[in-house]
Protein backbone atom coordinates (compact mmCIF):
# COMPACT_ATOMS: atom_id res chain seq x y z
CA MET A 1 -9.42 -172.13 -111.62
CA SER A 2 -11.72 -173.18 -108.78
CA LEU A 3 -12.44 -171.74 -105.36
CA PRO A 4 -13.32 -174.26 -102.60
CA PHE A 5 -16.07 -173.07 -100.26
CA LEU A 6 -18.40 -174.17 -97.49
CA LYS A 7 -22.06 -173.10 -97.58
CA MET A 8 -23.39 -172.24 -94.11
CA GLN A 9 -26.53 -170.70 -92.65
CA ALA A 10 -27.67 -169.12 -89.41
CA LEU A 11 -31.44 -168.72 -89.07
CA GLY A 12 -31.73 -168.74 -92.86
CA ASN A 13 -29.15 -165.95 -93.25
CA ASP A 14 -26.89 -167.84 -95.66
CA PHE A 15 -23.18 -167.57 -96.30
CA VAL A 16 -20.41 -168.86 -98.47
CA LEU A 17 -17.30 -169.28 -96.32
CA VAL A 18 -13.89 -169.36 -97.99
CA ASP A 19 -10.95 -170.53 -95.89
CA GLN A 20 -7.85 -168.47 -96.71
CA LEU A 21 -6.11 -169.19 -93.42
CA LYS A 22 -3.63 -171.33 -95.32
CA ALA A 23 -2.64 -171.38 -98.97
CA GLN A 24 -4.84 -173.79 -100.92
CA PRO A 25 -3.64 -175.25 -104.25
CA GLY A 26 -5.64 -173.82 -107.13
CA ALA A 27 -7.33 -171.12 -105.05
CA PRO A 28 -6.72 -167.44 -105.83
CA THR A 29 -4.97 -165.38 -103.17
CA GLU A 30 -7.66 -162.70 -103.30
CA VAL A 31 -11.40 -162.79 -103.85
CA THR A 32 -12.51 -159.65 -105.68
CA ALA A 33 -15.82 -157.80 -105.60
CA ASP A 34 -16.54 -159.15 -109.09
CA VAL A 35 -16.02 -162.74 -107.94
CA ALA A 36 -18.28 -162.07 -104.95
CA ARG A 37 -21.05 -160.70 -107.18
CA ARG A 38 -20.90 -163.67 -109.57
CA MET A 39 -20.67 -166.19 -106.76
CA GLY A 40 -23.56 -164.55 -104.89
CA ASP A 41 -25.98 -164.73 -107.81
CA ARG A 42 -28.65 -167.30 -106.91
CA LYS A 43 -29.33 -168.21 -110.55
CA PHE A 44 -25.85 -168.17 -112.10
CA GLY A 45 -23.65 -168.66 -109.02
CA VAL A 46 -23.91 -170.29 -105.60
CA GLY A 47 -26.08 -167.72 -103.86
CA PHE A 48 -25.54 -166.11 -100.47
CA ASP A 49 -26.41 -163.11 -98.34
CA GLN A 50 -22.74 -162.60 -97.45
CA LEU A 51 -19.39 -164.06 -98.49
CA LEU A 52 -17.11 -164.69 -95.50
CA LEU A 53 -13.36 -164.77 -96.07
CA LEU A 54 -11.36 -166.24 -93.18
CA LYS A 55 -7.78 -164.96 -93.20
CA PRO A 56 -4.85 -164.99 -90.77
CA ALA A 57 -5.33 -162.57 -87.89
CA LYS A 58 -3.23 -159.44 -87.82
CA ASP A 59 -2.72 -159.98 -84.08
CA ALA A 60 -1.43 -163.45 -83.21
CA ALA A 61 -3.54 -163.37 -80.04
CA ASN A 62 -6.66 -163.77 -82.21
CA HIS A 63 -7.70 -166.85 -84.16
CA ALA A 64 -8.64 -165.32 -87.53
CA ARG A 65 -9.73 -162.26 -89.45
CA MET A 66 -13.09 -162.23 -91.22
CA ASP A 67 -13.60 -160.05 -94.30
CA ILE A 68 -17.16 -159.79 -95.64
CA PHE A 69 -18.65 -159.15 -99.09
CA ASN A 70 -22.34 -158.52 -99.69
CA THR A 71 -24.09 -159.95 -102.75
CA ASP A 72 -23.64 -156.66 -104.63
CA GLY A 73 -19.87 -156.79 -104.10
CA SER A 74 -19.82 -154.11 -101.41
CA ILE A 75 -17.92 -154.65 -98.16
CA ALA A 76 -19.67 -155.12 -94.81
CA GLU A 77 -17.92 -154.20 -91.57
CA MET A 78 -19.56 -156.91 -89.51
CA CYS A 79 -22.11 -159.72 -89.70
CA GLY A 80 -23.59 -161.10 -86.47
CA ASN A 81 -24.93 -164.34 -87.94
CA GLY A 82 -21.78 -164.73 -90.03
CA ILE A 83 -19.49 -164.46 -87.01
CA ARG A 84 -21.29 -167.44 -85.45
CA ALA A 85 -20.83 -169.42 -88.67
CA ALA A 86 -17.14 -168.52 -88.73
CA ALA A 87 -16.70 -169.57 -85.09
CA LEU A 88 -18.40 -172.90 -85.78
CA TYR A 89 -16.03 -173.44 -88.71
CA LEU A 90 -12.98 -172.71 -86.54
CA TYR A 91 -14.36 -174.99 -83.85
CA ARG A 92 -14.60 -177.87 -86.30
CA TYR A 93 -11.76 -177.27 -88.76
CA GLY A 94 -9.43 -174.54 -87.46
CA SER A 95 -5.84 -174.98 -86.33
CA LYS A 96 -7.08 -175.03 -82.71
CA PRO A 97 -10.34 -176.97 -82.99
CA ARG A 98 -12.77 -177.86 -80.21
CA GLN A 99 -11.95 -174.82 -78.12
CA LYS A 100 -14.79 -173.17 -76.27
CA THR A 101 -13.76 -169.58 -77.04
CA TYR A 102 -12.51 -167.80 -80.16
CA SER A 103 -11.64 -164.22 -81.06
CA ILE A 104 -12.11 -162.99 -84.64
CA GLU A 105 -11.02 -159.67 -86.10
CA THR A 106 -13.52 -157.75 -88.25
CA LEU A 107 -13.75 -154.22 -89.63
CA GLY A 108 -16.29 -153.69 -86.84
CA GLY A 109 -13.77 -154.65 -84.16
CA ILE A 110 -12.60 -157.86 -82.48
CA LYS A 111 -15.46 -160.19 -81.59
CA HIS A 112 -15.22 -162.78 -78.81
CA ILE A 113 -17.27 -165.95 -79.20
CA GLU A 114 -18.15 -168.73 -76.78
CA LEU A 115 -19.54 -172.05 -77.98
CA LYS A 116 -21.82 -173.50 -75.31
CA ASN A 117 -22.34 -176.30 -77.81
CA GLU A 118 -22.59 -176.48 -81.61
CA ARG A 119 -26.13 -175.07 -81.55
CA GLU A 120 -25.75 -172.40 -78.87
CA ILE A 121 -23.12 -169.85 -79.85
CA LEU A 122 -22.71 -166.74 -77.69
CA VAL A 123 -21.08 -163.62 -79.17
CA ASP A 124 -19.82 -160.53 -77.38
CA MET A 125 -20.81 -157.97 -80.02
CA GLY A 126 -18.97 -155.20 -78.19
CA GLN A 127 -20.23 -151.80 -77.12
CA THR A 128 -22.78 -149.86 -79.11
CA GLN A 129 -23.97 -146.33 -79.66
CA VAL A 130 -27.69 -145.59 -79.91
CA GLN A 131 -29.36 -142.26 -80.58
CA VAL A 132 -32.44 -142.13 -78.38
CA ALA A 133 -33.51 -138.83 -79.95
CA THR A 134 -35.93 -139.37 -82.82
CA GLN A 135 -34.76 -138.57 -86.34
CA THR A 136 -36.79 -138.68 -89.55
CA VAL A 137 -36.34 -140.08 -93.04
CA THR A 138 -38.71 -139.93 -96.02
CA ALA A 139 -39.46 -142.71 -98.50
CA HIS A 140 -42.24 -142.71 -101.11
CA ASP A 141 -43.67 -139.50 -99.62
CA LYS A 142 -44.00 -141.16 -96.21
CA THR A 143 -41.99 -139.89 -93.23
CA PHE A 144 -40.60 -142.40 -90.73
CA GLU A 145 -39.14 -141.81 -87.30
CA TYR A 146 -35.95 -143.80 -86.72
CA HIS A 147 -33.20 -144.31 -84.17
CA ALA A 148 -29.59 -144.68 -85.34
CA VAL A 149 -27.61 -147.55 -83.81
CA ASP A 150 -23.94 -148.33 -84.41
CA MET A 151 -23.11 -152.04 -84.08
CA GLY A 152 -19.79 -151.69 -85.88
CA ASN A 153 -21.99 -151.17 -88.93
CA PRO A 154 -24.86 -148.66 -89.34
CA HIS A 155 -28.52 -149.29 -88.55
CA ALA A 156 -31.74 -147.28 -88.71
CA VAL A 157 -34.35 -148.78 -86.38
CA ILE A 158 -38.01 -148.02 -87.12
CA PHE A 159 -40.87 -149.17 -84.87
CA VAL A 160 -44.09 -150.20 -86.62
CA PRO A 161 -47.39 -151.57 -85.23
CA ASP A 162 -47.51 -154.69 -87.45
CA VAL A 163 -44.27 -155.77 -89.09
CA ALA A 164 -45.83 -158.77 -90.87
CA SER A 165 -48.00 -156.56 -93.06
CA PHE A 166 -45.39 -153.83 -93.57
CA ASP A 167 -43.82 -153.49 -97.04
CA VAL A 168 -40.18 -153.82 -96.00
CA GLU A 169 -38.82 -154.05 -99.54
CA LYS A 170 -40.65 -150.96 -100.81
CA PHE A 171 -39.56 -148.67 -98.01
CA GLY A 172 -36.31 -150.34 -96.87
CA SER A 173 -34.72 -150.15 -100.32
CA VAL A 174 -35.24 -146.38 -100.40
CA ILE A 175 -34.32 -145.66 -96.77
CA GLU A 176 -31.05 -147.63 -97.16
CA LYS A 177 -29.83 -145.00 -99.65
CA GLY A 178 -31.36 -141.93 -97.98
CA PRO A 179 -29.37 -138.67 -97.91
CA GLN A 180 -28.90 -139.10 -94.14
CA PHE A 181 -26.81 -142.21 -94.84
CA PRO A 182 -23.86 -141.39 -97.13
CA SER A 183 -22.46 -144.90 -96.63
CA ARG A 184 -25.96 -146.43 -96.82
CA THR A 185 -27.53 -148.19 -93.83
CA ASN A 186 -29.22 -151.38 -92.69
CA VAL A 187 -32.89 -150.78 -91.92
CA GLU A 188 -34.79 -152.58 -89.14
CA PHE A 189 -38.59 -152.60 -88.89
CA VAL A 190 -39.59 -153.63 -85.36
CA GLU A 191 -42.81 -154.65 -83.66
CA VAL A 192 -42.82 -154.88 -79.86
CA LEU A 193 -44.72 -158.00 -78.77
CA ASN A 194 -44.31 -157.86 -74.99
CA PRO A 195 -41.69 -156.69 -72.44
CA HIS A 196 -39.24 -159.43 -73.47
CA GLU A 197 -40.01 -160.10 -77.15
CA ILE A 198 -39.90 -158.19 -80.42
CA ARG A 199 -40.56 -159.19 -84.02
CA LEU A 200 -38.14 -157.96 -86.67
CA ARG A 201 -37.73 -157.79 -90.43
CA VAL A 202 -34.57 -156.35 -91.94
CA TRP A 203 -33.56 -154.70 -95.19
CA GLU A 204 -29.81 -155.36 -95.26
CA ARG A 205 -27.47 -152.88 -96.87
CA GLY A 206 -26.04 -154.47 -100.00
CA ALA A 207 -28.08 -157.68 -99.66
CA GLY A 208 -31.77 -156.70 -99.47
CA LEU A 209 -34.36 -158.81 -97.69
CA THR A 210 -32.86 -161.57 -95.56
CA LEU A 211 -34.39 -164.14 -93.24
CA ALA A 212 -32.22 -162.98 -90.36
CA CYS A 213 -29.62 -160.37 -89.45
CA GLY A 214 -27.54 -160.68 -86.29
CA THR A 215 -26.32 -157.09 -86.05
CA GLY A 216 -29.84 -155.98 -86.98
CA ALA A 217 -31.32 -158.02 -84.15
CA CYS A 218 -28.83 -156.43 -81.74
CA ALA A 219 -29.58 -152.93 -83.05
CA ALA A 220 -33.35 -153.45 -82.74
CA ALA A 221 -33.06 -154.83 -79.20
CA VAL A 222 -30.69 -152.04 -78.12
CA ALA A 223 -33.04 -149.35 -79.44
CA ALA A 224 -36.03 -150.99 -77.74
CA LEU A 225 -34.10 -151.29 -74.46
CA ALA A 226 -32.81 -147.71 -74.62
CA LEU A 227 -36.38 -146.48 -75.17
CA GLU A 228 -37.61 -148.71 -72.30
CA LYS A 229 -40.00 -150.56 -74.58
CA VAL A 230 -38.60 -153.93 -73.38
CA ARG A 231 -36.42 -155.43 -70.64
CA ASN A 232 -33.44 -157.83 -70.66
CA PRO A 233 -33.14 -160.42 -72.06
CA VAL A 234 -34.87 -159.75 -75.38
CA THR A 235 -35.95 -162.55 -77.72
CA VAL A 236 -35.86 -161.24 -81.28
CA HIS A 237 -38.14 -163.16 -83.66
CA LEU A 238 -36.96 -163.06 -87.28
CA PRO A 239 -38.44 -164.87 -90.32
CA GLY A 240 -35.67 -167.50 -90.03
CA GLY A 241 -35.83 -168.04 -86.27
CA ALA A 242 -35.04 -166.34 -82.94
CA LEU A 243 -31.99 -164.77 -81.30
CA LYS A 244 -31.51 -163.87 -77.63
CA ILE A 245 -30.04 -160.41 -77.03
CA THR A 246 -28.87 -158.92 -73.71
CA TRP A 247 -27.60 -155.37 -73.13
CA LYS A 248 -27.15 -153.48 -69.89
CA GLY A 249 -27.41 -150.11 -71.61
CA ALA A 250 -25.46 -147.22 -70.15
CA GLU A 251 -24.50 -149.03 -66.94
CA LYS A 252 -20.87 -148.38 -66.13
CA SER A 253 -18.25 -150.98 -65.36
CA ALA A 254 -16.57 -150.08 -62.09
CA ALA A 255 -13.34 -151.67 -63.30
CA GLN A 256 -13.17 -150.22 -66.81
CA GLY A 257 -15.54 -147.25 -66.85
CA LEU A 258 -17.03 -148.47 -70.13
CA GLN A 259 -20.51 -149.17 -71.37
CA SER A 260 -21.41 -152.83 -71.31
CA SER A 261 -21.34 -155.11 -74.32
CA VAL A 262 -24.26 -156.39 -76.35
CA TRP A 263 -24.53 -160.19 -76.15
CA MET A 264 -26.13 -162.28 -78.89
CA GLU A 265 -26.92 -166.00 -78.70
CA GLY A 266 -28.06 -168.27 -81.52
CA PRO A 267 -27.17 -171.23 -83.77
CA ALA A 268 -25.24 -171.81 -87.01
CA GLU A 269 -25.09 -174.80 -89.36
CA GLU A 270 -23.12 -176.24 -92.25
CA VAL A 271 -25.10 -176.91 -95.44
CA PHE A 272 -22.74 -178.25 -98.14
CA ARG A 273 -19.26 -178.04 -99.66
CA GLY A 274 -18.37 -177.20 -103.22
CA GLU A 275 -16.05 -175.48 -105.68
CA PHE A 276 -16.82 -172.33 -107.63
CA PHE A 277 -15.16 -172.07 -111.04
CA ILE A 278 -13.75 -168.61 -111.67
């Protein structure tokens, strides 16, 4: 039995996208954690940071639902780079192609996406919660100060003076599973470059080191904005490229009385098509 897929990437954060919006002959109705682990292996499978499953939306007002597996078979609530890849797929191949806006359901909430063009994809990542108060976590006998940010999935943001020379794998792999994080956490190591730019490396929960992380970029920018280390808009430089993040912080909407959304802008691309034999 084979599973058709499309390989996609967004700033080097790579995905396998499986279209389950309609029944496909020969494709299983469900992709299990075991299938995700085997498919995600870069030596024996296809290789990916996340597996994106596009399914029919629960609410007919939305265009699709996106379920996400990490390479270790665990489930992710949300993926910022992946949501851009999914929107590009719907734009090109969905039942309502070539629209400028799409809404996609995730475990981290409904995300609204606008395609300025096929290279500039703008995502309303929704509201966020950031803990400005400093908390601490210990890894390899070293204590780090961090700020917790909720982007629909958990993040621990740590500011460092030089992120390029920092051992992200050594410390991120331990912090991810720290006792403060019973469901584990994504870990962002951030260097502030100037009032509108930061440099970021991410240890992703369930995936490890990645070239980019959309929710991580949002979390890092939100923490830096909340701490007044930077100003809007914030360009987040990742190993795979740059994202533009905008957040108005705790400003209230006169109409809704809600905190403002975090906005993320960046590209996504198709890489190749294939079939994975189960």
